[in-house]
C-alpha cells in the first residue's frame, strides 16, 4: 500500500508573498487571506475479503487521539509488520499478497482511529522485533505472546488473551467440555508442540485421579490430527484456540471449538520502548475501540469473541 497524503494548496501568488514576509495588512485595508487548511488524510479502506471490512470502514478518527499522534505517523503513515500465515489471525486474501485476518483488521482500525494511513508488511517472525527496534516498523502485531523475555526488548500493548482449545464434532456427541472429560478418551495432537505437552499433562492428571488414561494420537500437522476427529477415531483435537475457532467457523467441517480455561496468555502489539508517544497513541486507540464496541465487532467477524480483553494493558505478560 502506498502512503499518499492529499494536501490543500495555498491559492494565489499574493498569499504566498504575504506568507514569506509575515502576515500584514494590505494597502487597500482588506484583511489578509486565511491560512491554508491542514492536510487532509484519505483513510485506507479495508480489503473486500476482510471479514470485518464494514466495521473498519465505518471507524472515524478520534480527534483528541489524532491530534496527539506522533508527527511521523501523520507524515509517513503507520508502518506495521506481521507474519502472514496463521489464520484467522493473519492470512492472505485470494490475491496472495493482501493481508487480512484479525491482526491486520485491528492494525487498520487503530490507524483509522488515529487518522493516519497504514502499511502492513509480511516478515519472517524472527525479523519482526529487530525491524521495530531499528525503526523500520512502528509496531509488530503478529500473534506475539507478551512475556518477560520479550519485554526486555520491546514494550507491549496487550490486545487479546489467547490460549489453547479443542475441536470436537458438531453437537459434541462425546460430551467433552474440559480436560477432565478427556479421561478414557482418544485425543489427537500435533507432535512435539505445546498442544502435545498439554494433552500429556491432562493424561497425567487423569491417572493421578485414578481415572482412565488419555489415548494420545500424534501427527505431524493440524490437518492430519483434525481428520481423526472427523472420522471418529478421536473424540477431540487439542490445538491453539484461535485455530479451533477458525476451523469451527467453516460449516463444511461440522466441528465446535472449546476454549481450555487457564491456558490463556496475553498477546501484544510490540513497540520500541523509548517511543512513548506512539505507545500512548496505540494504547489510547485500542481503549477507544474497546469502549466503542468496534473492537468486539472485529473479534466477532473472525469468530474470536473469547479472546477479548476489557482494556489495553501495557506489558501485562508475567
C-alpha atoms as a PDB file:
ATOM      1  CA  UNK A   1       0.000   0.000   0.000  1.00  0.00           C
ATOM      2  CA  UNK A   2       1.407   3.389  -0.962  1.00  0.00           C
ATOM      3  CA  UNK A   3       1.022   6.167   1.570  1.00  0.00           C
ATOM      4  CA  UNK A   4      -0.467   9.196  -0.023  1.00  0.00           C
ATOM      5  CA  UNK A   5      -1.465  12.394   1.737  1.00  0.00           C
ATOM      6  CA  UNK A   6      -3.673  14.832  -0.076  1.00  0.00           C
ATOM      7  CA  UNK A   7      -2.908  18.472   0.709  1.00  0.00           C
ATOM      8  CA  UNK A   8      -4.886  21.621   0.153  1.00  0.00           C
ATOM      9  CA  UNK A   9      -2.690  24.006  -1.821  1.00  0.00           C
ATOM     10  CA  UNK A  10      -2.464  27.667  -0.905  1.00  0.00           C
ATOM     11  CA  UNK A  11      -4.214  29.768  -3.511  1.00  0.00           C
ATOM     12  CA  UNK A  12      -2.855  32.896  -5.178  1.00  0.00           C
ATOM     13  CA  UNK A  13       0.565  34.464  -5.543  1.00  0.00           C
ATOM     14  CA  UNK A  14      -0.400  37.290  -3.183  1.00  0.00           C
ATOM     15  CA  UNK A  15      -0.950  34.847  -0.330  1.00  0.00           C
ATOM     16  CA  UNK A  16       2.454  33.278  -0.971  1.00  0.00           C
ATOM     17  CA  UNK A  17       4.082  36.696  -0.841  1.00  0.00           C
ATOM     18  CA  UNK A  18       2.444  37.679   2.449  1.00  0.00           C
ATOM     19  CA  UNK A  19       3.352  34.307   3.948  1.00  0.00           C
ATOM     20  CA  UNK A  20       7.011  34.936   3.067  1.00  0.00           C
ATOM     21  CA  UNK A  21       7.188  38.274   4.875  1.00  0.00           C
ATOM     22  CA  UNK A  22       4.740  37.569   7.678  1.00  0.00           C
ATOM     23  CA  UNK A  23       1.040  38.410   7.995  1.00  0.00           C
ATOM     24  CA  UNK A  24       0.369  42.105   7.348  1.00  0.00           C
ATOM     25  CA  UNK A  25      -2.460  44.394   6.258  1.00  0.00           C
ATOM     26  CA  UNK A  26      -2.939  45.103   2.575  1.00  0.00           C
ATOM     27  CA  UNK A  27      -2.692  48.656   1.266  1.00  0.00           C
ATOM     28  CA  UNK A  28      -6.407  48.836   0.449  1.00  0.00           C
ATOM     29  CA  UNK A  29      -7.361  47.843   4.015  1.00  0.00           C
ATOM     30  CA  UNK A  30      -8.624  44.366   3.136  1.00  0.00           C
ATOM     31  CA  UNK A  31      -7.875  41.618   5.642  1.00  0.00           C
ATOM     32  CA  UNK A  32      -5.094  39.115   4.889  1.00  0.00           C
ATOM     33  CA  UNK A  33      -6.102  35.830   3.307  1.00  0.00           C
ATOM     34  CA  UNK A  34      -6.848  32.922   5.695  1.00  0.00           C
ATOM     35  CA  UNK A  35      -4.021  30.414   6.190  1.00  0.00           C
ATOM     36  CA  UNK A  36      -4.064  27.189   4.183  1.00  0.00           C
ATOM     37  CA  UNK A  37      -6.085  24.355   5.703  1.00  0.00           C
ATOM     38  CA  UNK A  38      -4.288  21.477   7.429  1.00  0.00           C
ATOM     39  CA  UNK A  39      -3.593  18.455   5.233  1.00  0.00           C
ATOM     40  CA  UNK A  40      -6.498  16.031   4.869  1.00  0.00           C
ATOM     41  CA  UNK A  41      -5.790  12.315   5.064  1.00  0.00           C
ATOM     42  CA  UNK A  42      -7.806   9.950   2.912  1.00  0.00           C
ATOM     43  CA  UNK A  43      -8.014   6.902   5.175  1.00  0.00           C
ATOM     44  CA  UNK A  44      -7.424   3.417   3.830  1.00  0.00           C
ATOM     45  CA  UNK A  45     -10.374   1.204   3.009  1.00  0.00           C
ATOM     46  CA  UNK A  46     -10.248  -2.387   4.226  1.00  0.00           C
ATOM     47  CA  UNK A  47      -9.819  -5.112   1.584  1.00  0.00           C
ATOM     48  CA  UNK A  48     -13.088  -6.545   0.279  1.00  0.00           C
ATOM     49  CA  UNK A  49     -12.224 -10.044   1.547  1.00  0.00           C
ATOM     50  CA  UNK A  50     -11.607  -8.801   5.074  1.00  0.00           C
ATOM     51  CA  UNK A  51     -14.493 -10.187   7.170  1.00  0.00           C
ATOM     52  CA  UNK A  52     -14.520  -7.055   9.315  1.00  0.00           C
ATOM     53  CA  UNK A  53     -14.343  -4.644   6.350  1.00  0.00           C
ATOM     54  CA  UNK A  54     -17.663  -2.928   7.100  1.00  0.00           C
ATOM     55  CA  UNK A  55     -16.663  -2.370  10.719  1.00  0.00           C
ATOM     56  CA  UNK A  56     -13.239  -0.998   9.804  1.00  0.00           C
ATOM     57  CA  UNK A  57     -14.507   1.330   7.085  1.00  0.00           C
ATOM     58  CA  UNK A  58     -17.059   2.842   9.467  1.00  0.00           C
ATOM     59  CA  UNK A  59     -14.392   3.838  12.025  1.00  0.00           C
ATOM     60  CA  UNK A  60     -13.726   7.564  12.137  1.00  0.00           C
ATOM     61  CA  UNK A  61     -10.743   9.306  13.746  1.00  0.00           C
ATOM     62  CA  UNK A  62     -10.829  10.220  17.415  1.00  0.00           C
ATOM     63  CA  UNK A  63      -9.999  13.943  17.280  1.00  0.00           C
ATOM     64  CA  UNK A  64      -8.080  14.006  20.551  1.00  0.00           C
ATOM     65  CA  UNK A  65      -6.074  10.885  19.754  1.00  0.00           C
ATOM     66  CA  UNK A  66      -5.377  12.070  16.207  1.00  0.00           C
ATOM     67  CA  UNK A  67      -4.103  15.415  17.496  1.00  0.00           C
ATOM     68  CA  UNK A  68      -1.681  13.682  19.886  1.00  0.00           C
ATOM     69  CA  UNK A  69      -0.433  11.072  17.410  1.00  0.00           C
ATOM     70  CA  UNK A  70       3.309  11.265  16.602  1.00  0.00           C
ATOM     71  CA  UNK A  71       4.106  13.660  13.758  1.00  0.00           C
ATOM     72  CA  UNK A  72       5.924  10.859  11.928  1.00  0.00           C
ATOM     73  CA  UNK A  73       2.695   8.843  11.752  1.00  0.00           C
ATOM     74  CA  UNK A  74       0.876  11.789  10.237  1.00  0.00           C
ATOM     75  CA  UNK A  75       3.513  12.301   7.559  1.00  0.00           C
ATOM     76  CA  UNK A  76       4.603   8.724   6.829  1.00  0.00           C
ATOM     77  CA  UNK A  77       1.625   6.660   7.956  1.00  0.00           C
ATOM     78  CA  UNK A  78       1.621   3.771  10.405  1.00  0.00           C
ATOM     79  CA  UNK A  79       4.133   1.092   9.378  1.00  0.00           C
ATOM     80  CA  UNK A  80       3.127  -2.340  10.667  1.00  0.00           C
ATOM     81  CA  UNK A  81       4.863  -5.709  10.425  1.00  0.00           C
ATOM     82  CA  UNK A  82       3.250  -9.130  10.771  1.00  0.00           C
ATOM     83  CA  UNK A  83       3.973 -12.724   9.830  1.00  0.00           C
ATOM     84  CA  UNK A  84       1.174 -13.741   7.477  1.00  0.00           C
ATOM     85  CA  UNK A  85       0.136 -17.373   7.563  1.00  0.00           C
ATOM     86  CA  UNK A  86      -1.617 -18.113  10.868  1.00  0.00           C
ATOM     87  CA  UNK A  87      -5.359 -17.900  10.176  1.00  0.00           C
ATOM     88  CA  UNK A  88      -7.582 -16.426  11.431  1.00  0.00           C
ATOM     89  CA  UNK A  89      -5.080 -14.028  12.997  1.00  0.00           C
ATOM     90  CA  UNK A  90      -3.123 -13.360   9.800  1.00  0.00           C
ATOM     91  CA  UNK A  91      -3.667 -14.686   6.292  1.00  0.00           C
ATOM     92  CA  UNK A  92      -3.528 -13.527   2.687  1.00  0.00           C
ATOM     93  CA  UNK A  93      -6.571 -12.682   0.594  1.00  0.00           C
ATOM     94  CA  UNK A  94      -7.131 -14.658  -2.605  1.00  0.00           C
ATOM     95  CA  UNK A  95      -4.657 -12.427  -4.465  1.00  0.00           C
ATOM     96  CA  UNK A  96      -1.872 -13.947  -2.376  1.00  0.00           C
ATOM     97  CA  UNK A  97      -0.493 -10.586  -1.245  1.00  0.00           C
ATOM     98  CA  UNK A  98      -3.121  -8.596   0.669  1.00  0.00           C
ATOM     99  CA  UNK A  99      -3.042  -9.218   4.442  1.00  0.00           C
ATOM    100  CA  UNK A 100      -6.383  -9.917   6.117  1.00  0.00           C
ATOM    101  CA  UNK A 101      -7.374 -11.541   9.408  1.00  0.00           C
ATOM    102  CA  UNK A 102      -7.835 -10.181  12.911  1.00  0.00           C
ATOM    103  CA  UNK A 103      -4.335  -8.723  13.339  1.00  0.00           C
ATOM    104  CA  UNK A 104      -4.410  -6.727  10.073  1.00  0.00           C
ATOM    105  CA  UNK A 105      -8.004  -5.730  10.863  1.00  0.00           C
ATOM    106  CA  UNK A 106      -7.004  -4.313  14.245  1.00  0.00           C
ATOM    107  CA  UNK A 107      -3.973  -2.537  12.741  1.00  0.00           C
ATOM    108  CA  UNK A 108      -6.252  -0.865  10.187  1.00  0.00           C
ATOM    109  CA  UNK A 109      -8.760   0.034  12.901  1.00  0.00           C
ATOM    110  CA  UNK A 110      -6.052   1.632  15.063  1.00  0.00           C
ATOM    111  CA  UNK A 111      -4.775   3.627  12.069  1.00  0.00           C
ATOM    112  CA  UNK A 112      -8.260   4.931  11.312  1.00  0.00           C
ATOM    113  CA  UNK A 113      -8.815   5.832  14.967  1.00  0.00           C
ATOM    114  CA  UNK A 114      -5.574   7.858  14.869  1.00  0.00           C
ATOM    115  CA  UNK A 115      -6.483   9.376  11.495  1.00  0.00           C
ATOM    116  CA  UNK A 116      -3.446   8.044   9.628  1.00  0.00           C
ATOM    117  CA  UNK A 117      -2.640   5.771   6.703  1.00  0.00           C
ATOM    118  CA  UNK A 118      -1.288   2.269   7.294  1.00  0.00           C
ATOM    119  CA  UNK A 119       1.079  -0.140   5.543  1.00  0.00           C
ATOM    120  CA  UNK A 120       1.213  -3.808   6.596  1.00  0.00           C
ATOM    121  CA  UNK A 121       4.339  -5.767   5.637  1.00  0.00           C
ATOM    122  CA  UNK A 122       4.842  -9.531   5.816  1.00  0.00           C
ATOM    123  CA  UNK A 123       8.113 -10.531   7.504  1.00  0.00           C
ATOM    124  CA  UNK A 124       9.527 -13.749   8.928  1.00  0.00           C
ATOM    125  CA  UNK A 125       8.657 -13.908  12.654  1.00  0.00           C
ATOM    126  CA  UNK A 126      12.227 -13.610  13.954  1.00  0.00           C
ATOM    127  CA  UNK A 127      12.837 -10.460  11.882  1.00  0.00           C
ATOM    128  CA  UNK A 128       9.953  -8.519  13.369  1.00  0.00           C
ATOM    129  CA  UNK A 129      11.374  -7.309  16.671  1.00  0.00           C
ATOM    130  CA  UNK A 130      14.674  -6.201  15.046  1.00  0.00           C
ATOM    131  CA  UNK A 131      12.609  -4.345  12.433  1.00  0.00           C
ATOM    132  CA  UNK A 132      10.789  -2.436  15.177  1.00  0.00           C
ATOM    133  CA  UNK A 133      13.975  -1.673  17.110  1.00  0.00           C
ATOM    134  CA  UNK A 134      15.723  -0.264  14.041  1.00  0.00           C
ATOM    135  CA  UNK A 135      12.729   1.950  13.246  1.00  0.00           C
ATOM    136  CA  UNK A 136      11.792   0.197  10.020  1.00  0.00           C
ATOM    137  CA  UNK A 137       8.369  -0.518  11.510  1.00  0.00           C
ATOM    138  CA  UNK A 138       6.297   1.330  14.091  1.00  0.00           C
ATOM    139  CA  UNK A 139       4.861  -1.811  15.626  1.00  0.00           C
ATOM    140  CA  UNK A 140       4.535  -5.556  15.278  1.00  0.00           C
ATOM    141  CA  UNK A 141       1.183  -7.295  15.585  1.00  0.00           C
ATOM    142  CA  UNK A 142       1.659 -10.985  14.862  1.00  0.00           C
ATOM    143  CA  UNK A 143       0.050 -13.263  17.483  1.00  0.00           C
ATOM    144  CA  UNK A 144       3.086 -12.497  19.636  1.00  0.00           C
ATOM    145  CA  UNK A 145       2.956 -13.609  23.263  1.00  0.00           C
ATOM    146  CA  UNK A 146       3.754 -10.841  25.733  1.00  0.00           C
ATOM    147  CA  UNK A 147       6.296 -12.344  28.129  1.00  0.00           C
ATOM    148  CA  UNK A 148       9.129 -11.015  30.342  1.00  0.00           C
ATOM    149  CA  UNK A 149      11.813 -12.158  27.899  1.00  0.00           C
ATOM    150  CA  UNK A 150      10.358 -10.116  25.037  1.00  0.00           C
ATOM    151  CA  UNK A 151       9.622  -7.204  27.377  1.00  0.00           C
ATOM    152  CA  UNK A 152      13.402  -6.876  27.677  1.00  0.00           C
ATOM    153  CA  UNK A 153      13.411  -5.775  24.040  1.00  0.00           C
ATOM    154  CA  UNK A 154      10.066  -4.170  23.253  1.00  0.00           C
ATOM    155  CA  UNK A 155       7.038  -2.722  25.028  1.00  0.00           C
ATOM    156  CA  UNK A 156       3.674  -4.381  24.507  1.00  0.00           C
ATOM    157  CA  UNK A 157       0.134  -3.105  24.447  1.00  0.00           C
ATOM    158  CA  UNK A 158      -1.864  -6.292  25.005  1.00  0.00           C
ATOM    159  CA  UNK A 159      -4.812  -6.733  22.663  1.00  0.00           C
ATOM    160  CA  UNK A 160      -6.121 -10.302  23.238  1.00  0.00           C
ATOM    161  CA  UNK A 161      -5.917 -13.168  25.734  1.00  0.00           C
ATOM    162  CA  UNK A 162      -5.254 -16.336  23.741  1.00  0.00           C
ATOM    163  CA  UNK A 163      -4.741 -19.910  24.825  1.00  0.00           C
ATOM    164  CA  UNK A 164      -5.363 -23.494  23.869  1.00  0.00           C
ATOM    165  CA  UNK A 165      -8.600 -25.093  22.774  1.00  0.00           C
ATOM    166  CA  UNK A 166     -10.201 -28.233  21.453  1.00  0.00           C
ATOM    167  CA  UNK A 167     -12.199 -29.174  18.409  1.00  0.00           C
ATOM    168  CA  UNK A 168     -14.988 -31.720  18.738  1.00  0.00           C
ATOM    169  CA  UNK A 169     -17.689 -32.922  16.368  1.00  0.00           C
ATOM    170  CA  UNK A 170     -20.685 -30.629  15.931  1.00  0.00           C
ATOM    171  CA  UNK A 171     -23.194 -31.328  18.665  1.00  0.00           C
ATOM    172  CA  UNK A 172     -20.356 -32.621  20.878  1.00  0.00           C
ATOM    173  CA  UNK A 173     -21.587 -36.251  20.960  1.00  0.00           C
ATOM    174  CA  UNK A 174     -18.730 -37.289  23.283  1.00  0.00           C
ATOM    175  CA  UNK A 175     -19.692 -34.637  25.848  1.00  0.00           C
ATOM    176  CA  UNK A 176     -16.222 -33.106  26.061  1.00  0.00           C
ATOM    177  CA  UNK A 177     -16.358 -29.730  27.802  1.00  0.00           C
ATOM    178  CA  UNK A 178     -12.969 -29.606  29.509  1.00  0.00           C
ATOM    179  CA  UNK A 179      -9.794 -31.528  30.423  1.00  0.00           C
ATOM    180  CA  UNK A 180     -11.489 -33.846  32.937  1.00  0.00           C
ATOM    181  CA  UNK A 181     -13.795 -35.128  30.206  1.00  0.00           C
ATOM    182  CA  UNK A 182     -10.781 -36.432  28.258  1.00  0.00           C
ATOM    183  CA  UNK A 183     -10.072 -39.265  30.693  1.00  0.00           C
ATOM    184  CA  UNK A 184     -10.607 -42.561  28.887  1.00  0.00           C
ATOM    185  CA  UNK A 185     -10.997 -40.827  25.520  1.00  0.00           C
ATOM    186  CA  UNK A 186      -8.789 -40.512  22.455  1.00  0.00           C
ATOM    187  CA  UNK A 187      -7.221 -37.142  21.645  1.00  0.00           C
ATOM    188  CA  UNK A 188      -5.232 -36.161  18.551  1.00  0.00           C
ATOM    189  CA  UNK A 189      -2.451 -33.565  18.636  1.00  0.00           C
ATOM    190  CA  UNK A 190       0.411 -32.185  16.580  1.00  0.00           C
ATOM    191  CA  UNK A 191       3.590 -33.982  17.620  1.00  0.00           C
ATOM    192  CA  UNK A 192       6.326 -32.126  19.539  1.00  0.00           C
ATOM    193  CA  UNK A 193       4.332 -28.970  20.282  1.00  0.00           C
ATOM    194  CA  UNK A 194       2.682 -27.177  23.182  1.00  0.00           C
ATOM    195  CA  UNK A 195      -0.621 -28.945  22.441  1.00  0.00           C
ATOM    196  CA  UNK A 196       1.028 -32.339  22.856  1.00  0.00           C
ATOM    197  CA  UNK A 197       2.533 -31.221  26.177  1.00  0.00           C
ATOM    198  CA  UNK A 198      -0.903 -30.080  27.310  1.00  0.00           C
ATOM    199  CA  UNK A 199      -2.520 -33.390  26.331  1.00  0.00           C
ATOM    200  CA  UNK A 200       0.205 -35.261  28.217  1.00  0.00           C
ATOM    201  CA  UNK A 201      -0.451 -33.136  31.286  1.00  0.00           C
ATOM    202  CA  UNK A 202      -4.172 -33.935  31.095  1.00  0.00           C
ATOM    203  CA  UNK A 203      -3.290 -37.622  30.772  1.00  0.00           C
ATOM    204  CA  UNK A 204      -1.124 -37.413  33.902  1.00  0.00           C
ATOM    205  CA  UNK A 205      -3.930 -35.668  35.799  1.00  0.00           C
ATOM    206  CA  UNK A 206      -6.393 -38.410  34.836  1.00  0.00           C
ATOM    207  CA  UNK A 207      -4.022 -41.107  36.095  1.00  0.00           C
ATOM    208  CA  UNK A 208      -3.323 -39.155  39.285  1.00  0.00           C
ATOM    209  CA  UNK A 209      -7.062 -39.015  39.981  1.00  0.00           C
ATOM    210  CA  UNK A 210      -7.382 -42.750  39.414  1.00  0.00           C
ATOM    211  CA  UNK A 211      -9.234 -42.365  36.131  1.00  0.00           C
ATOM    212  CA  UNK A 212      -8.641 -43.928  32.736  1.00  0.00           C
ATOM    213  CA  UNK A 213      -5.713 -42.573  30.745  1.00  0.00           C
ATOM    214  CA  UNK A 214      -5.983 -40.286  27.727  1.00  0.00           C
ATOM    215  CA  UNK A 215      -5.086 -42.076  24.495  1.00  0.00           C
ATOM    216  CA  UNK A 216      -2.937 -39.541  22.624  1.00  0.00           C
ATOM    217  CA  UNK A 217      -2.552 -39.821  18.840  1.00  0.00           C
ATOM    218  CA  UNK A 218       0.347 -37.758  17.470  1.00  0.00           C
ATOM    219  CA  UNK A 219       0.550 -36.341  13.937  1.00  0.00           C
ATOM    220  CA  UNK A 220       2.922 -34.020  12.036  1.00  0.00           C
ATOM    221  CA  UNK A 221       0.282 -31.361  11.313  1.00  0.00           C
ATOM    222  CA  UNK A 222      -3.123 -29.973  12.276  1.00  0.00           C
ATOM    223  CA  UNK A 223      -4.812 -31.338   9.165  1.00  0.00           C
ATOM    224  CA  UNK A 224      -3.955 -34.939   9.950  1.00  0.00           C
ATOM    225  CA  UNK A 225      -4.834 -34.513  13.620  1.00  0.00           C
ATOM    226  CA  UNK A 226      -8.178 -32.937  12.775  1.00  0.00           C
ATOM    227  CA  UNK A 227      -9.049 -35.730  10.375  1.00  0.00           C
ATOM    228  CA  UNK A 228      -9.108 -38.150  13.303  1.00  0.00           C
ATOM    229  CA  UNK A 229     -11.991 -36.248  14.869  1.00  0.00           C
ATOM    230  CA  UNK A 230     -13.857 -36.135  11.588  1.00  0.00           C
ATOM    231  CA  UNK A 231     -13.586 -39.899  11.052  1.00  0.00           C
ATOM    232  CA  UNK A 232     -14.431 -40.716  14.669  1.00  0.00           C
ATOM    233  CA  UNK A 233     -11.077 -42.176  15.633  1.00  0.00           C
ATOM    234  CA  UNK A 234     -10.541 -39.371  18.179  1.00  0.00           C
ATOM    235  CA  UNK A 235     -13.112 -37.520  20.262  1.00  0.00           C
ATOM    236  CA  UNK A 236     -11.167 -34.244  20.308  1.00  0.00           C
ATOM    237  CA  UNK A 237      -8.094 -32.495  18.998  1.00  0.00           C
ATOM    238  CA  UNK A 238      -6.082 -30.214  21.289  1.00  0.00           C
ATOM    239  CA  UNK A 239      -4.713 -27.176  19.452  1.00  0.00           C
ATOM    240  CA  UNK A 240      -4.481 -23.377  19.708  1.00  0.00           C
ATOM    241  CA  UNK A 241      -7.884 -21.864  20.412  1.00  0.00           C
ATOM    242  CA  UNK A 242      -7.617 -19.420  17.510  1.00  0.00           C
ATOM    243  CA  UNK A 243      -7.050 -22.357  15.148  1.00  0.00           C
ATOM    244  CA  UNK A 244     -10.003 -24.207  16.659  1.00  0.00           C
ATOM    245  CA  UNK A 245     -12.231 -21.144  16.294  1.00  0.00           C
ATOM    246  CA  UNK A 246     -11.206 -20.674  12.668  1.00  0.00           C
ATOM    247  CA  UNK A 247     -11.957 -24.288  11.780  1.00  0.00           C
ATOM    248  CA  UNK A 248     -15.248 -24.241  13.678  1.00  0.00           C
ATOM    249  CA  UNK A 249     -16.373 -21.252  11.613  1.00  0.00           C
ATOM    250  CA  UNK A 250     -16.277 -23.445   8.482  1.00  0.00           C
ATOM    251  CA  UNK A 251     -19.687 -25.190   8.288  1.00  0.00           C
ATOM    252  CA  UNK A 252     -18.288 -27.844   5.958  1.00  0.00           C
ATOM    253  CA  UNK A 253     -16.126 -29.233   8.774  1.00  0.00           C
ATOM    254  CA  UNK A 254     -19.075 -29.604  11.178  1.00  0.00           C
ATOM    255  CA  UNK A 255     -16.976 -29.002  14.292  1.00  0.00           C
ATOM    256  CA  UNK A 256     -17.222 -26.960  17.501  1.00  0.00           C
ATOM    257  CA  UNK A 257     -14.471 -25.058  19.307  1.00  0.00           C
ATOM    258  CA  UNK A 258     -13.984 -25.287  23.067  1.00  0.00           C
ATOM    259  CA  UNK A 259     -11.669 -22.925  24.955  1.00  0.00           C
ATOM    260  CA  UNK A 260      -9.409 -24.551  27.547  1.00  0.00           C
ATOM    261  CA  UNK A 261      -9.677 -22.273  30.568  1.00  0.00           C
ATOM    262  CA  UNK A 262      -6.484 -21.399  32.395  1.00  0.00           C
ATOM    263  CA  UNK A 263      -4.225 -21.677  29.358  1.00  0.00           C
ATOM    264  CA  UNK A 264      -4.582 -18.050  28.263  1.00  0.00           C
ATOM    265  CA  UNK A 265      -1.745 -15.564  27.982  1.00  0.00           C
ATOM    266  CA  UNK A 266      -1.700 -12.023  26.572  1.00  0.00           C
ATOM    267  CA  UNK A 267      -0.672 -11.318  23.002  1.00  0.00           C
ATOM    268  CA  UNK A 268       0.685  -7.839  22.456  1.00  0.00           C
ATOM    269  CA  UNK A 269       1.357  -5.111  19.924  1.00  0.00           C
ATOM    270  CA  UNK A 270       5.116  -4.586  20.243  1.00  0.00           C
ATOM    271  CA  UNK A 271       6.841  -1.198  20.018  1.00  0.00           C
ATOM    272  CA  UNK A 272      10.232   0.351  20.705  1.00  0.00           C
ATOM    273  CA  UNK A 273      10.309   1.113  24.468  1.00  0.00           C
ATOM    274  CA  UNK A 274      11.535   4.700  24.115  1.00  0.00           C
ATOM    275  CA  UNK A 275       8.763   5.561  21.643  1.00  0.00           C
ATOM    276  CA  UNK A 276       6.485   6.690  24.482  1.00  0.00           C
ATOM    277  CA  UNK A 277       4.308   8.887  22.288  1.00  0.00           C
ATOM    278  CA  UNK A 278       3.482   6.001  19.957  1.00  0.00           C
ATOM    279  CA  UNK A 279       2.843   3.586  22.837  1.00  0.00           C
ATOM    280  CA  UNK A 280       0.342   6.015  24.362  1.00  0.00           C
ATOM    281  CA  UNK A 281      -1.319   6.574  20.981  1.00  0.00           C
ATOM    282  CA  UNK A 282      -1.751   2.844  20.331  1.00  0.00           C
ATOM    283  CA  UNK A 283      -2.983   2.222  23.884  1.00  0.00           C
ATOM    284  CA  UNK A 284      -5.445   5.095  23.555  1.00  0.00           C
ATOM    285  CA  UNK A 285      -6.702   3.892  20.169  1.00  0.00           C
ATOM    286  CA  UNK A 286      -7.232   0.339  21.436  1.00  0.00           C
ATOM    287  CA  UNK A 287      -9.069   1.576  24.530  1.00  0.00           C
ATOM    288  CA  UNK A 288     -11.256   3.751  22.312  1.00  0.00           C
ATOM    289  CA  UNK A 289     -12.076   0.786  20.059  1.00  0.00           C
ATOM    290  CA  UNK A 290     -12.913  -1.352  23.097  1.00  0.00           C
ATOM    291  CA  UNK A 291     -15.174   1.276  24.655  1.00  0.00           C
ATOM    292  CA  UNK A 292     -16.992   1.985  21.386  1.00  0.00           C
ATOM    293  CA  UNK A 293     -17.744  -1.703  20.795  1.00  0.00           C
ATOM    294  CA  UNK A 294     -15.833  -1.686  17.496  1.00  0.00           C
ATOM    295  CA  UNK A 295     -13.146  -3.973  18.949  1.00  0.00           C
ATOM    296  CA  UNK A 296     -15.789  -6.544  19.863  1.00  0.00           C
ATOM    297  CA  UNK A 297     -17.202  -6.429  16.349  1.00  0.00           C
ATOM    298  CA  UNK A 298     -13.741  -7.037  14.868  1.00  0.00           C
ATOM    299  CA  UNK A 299     -13.352 -10.127  17.057  1.00  0.00           C
ATOM    300  CA  UNK A 300     -16.845 -11.378  16.232  1.00  0.00           C
ATOM    301  CA  UNK A 301     -16.193 -11.081  12.498  1.00  0.00           C
ATOM    302  CA  UNK A 302     -13.408 -13.653  12.889  1.00  0.00           C
ATOM    303  CA  UNK A 303     -15.245 -15.829  15.461  1.00  0.00           C
ATOM    304  CA  UNK A 304     -12.761 -14.830  18.179  1.00  0.00           C
ATOM    305  CA  UNK A 305     -15.058 -13.333  20.830  1.00  0.00           C
ATOM    306  CA  UNK A 306     -13.456 -15.392  23.616  1.00  0.00           C
ATOM    307  CA  UNK A 307     -10.122 -13.609  23.125  1.00  0.00           C
ATOM    308  CA  UNK A 308     -11.490 -10.220  24.208  1.00  0.00           C
ATOM    309  CA  UNK A 309      -9.734  -8.018  26.765  1.00  0.00           C
ATOM    310  CA  UNK A 310     -11.532  -5.360  28.806  1.00  0.00           C
ATOM    311  CA  UNK A 311      -8.869  -2.672  28.447  1.00  0.00           C
ATOM    312  CA  UNK A 312      -5.497  -2.036  26.848  1.00  0.00           C
ATOM    313  CA  UNK A 313      -2.763  -3.097  29.281  1.00  0.00           C
ATOM    314  CA  UNK A 314       0.930  -2.313  28.870  1.00  0.00           C
ATOM    315  CA  UNK A 315       3.304  -5.275  29.431  1.00  0.00           C
ATOM    316  CA  UNK A 316       0.716  -7.478  31.122  1.00  0.00           C
ATOM    317  CA  UNK A 317       2.598 -10.712  30.414  1.00  0.00           C
ATOM    318  CA  UNK A 318       4.089 -12.373  33.501  1.00  0.00           C
END
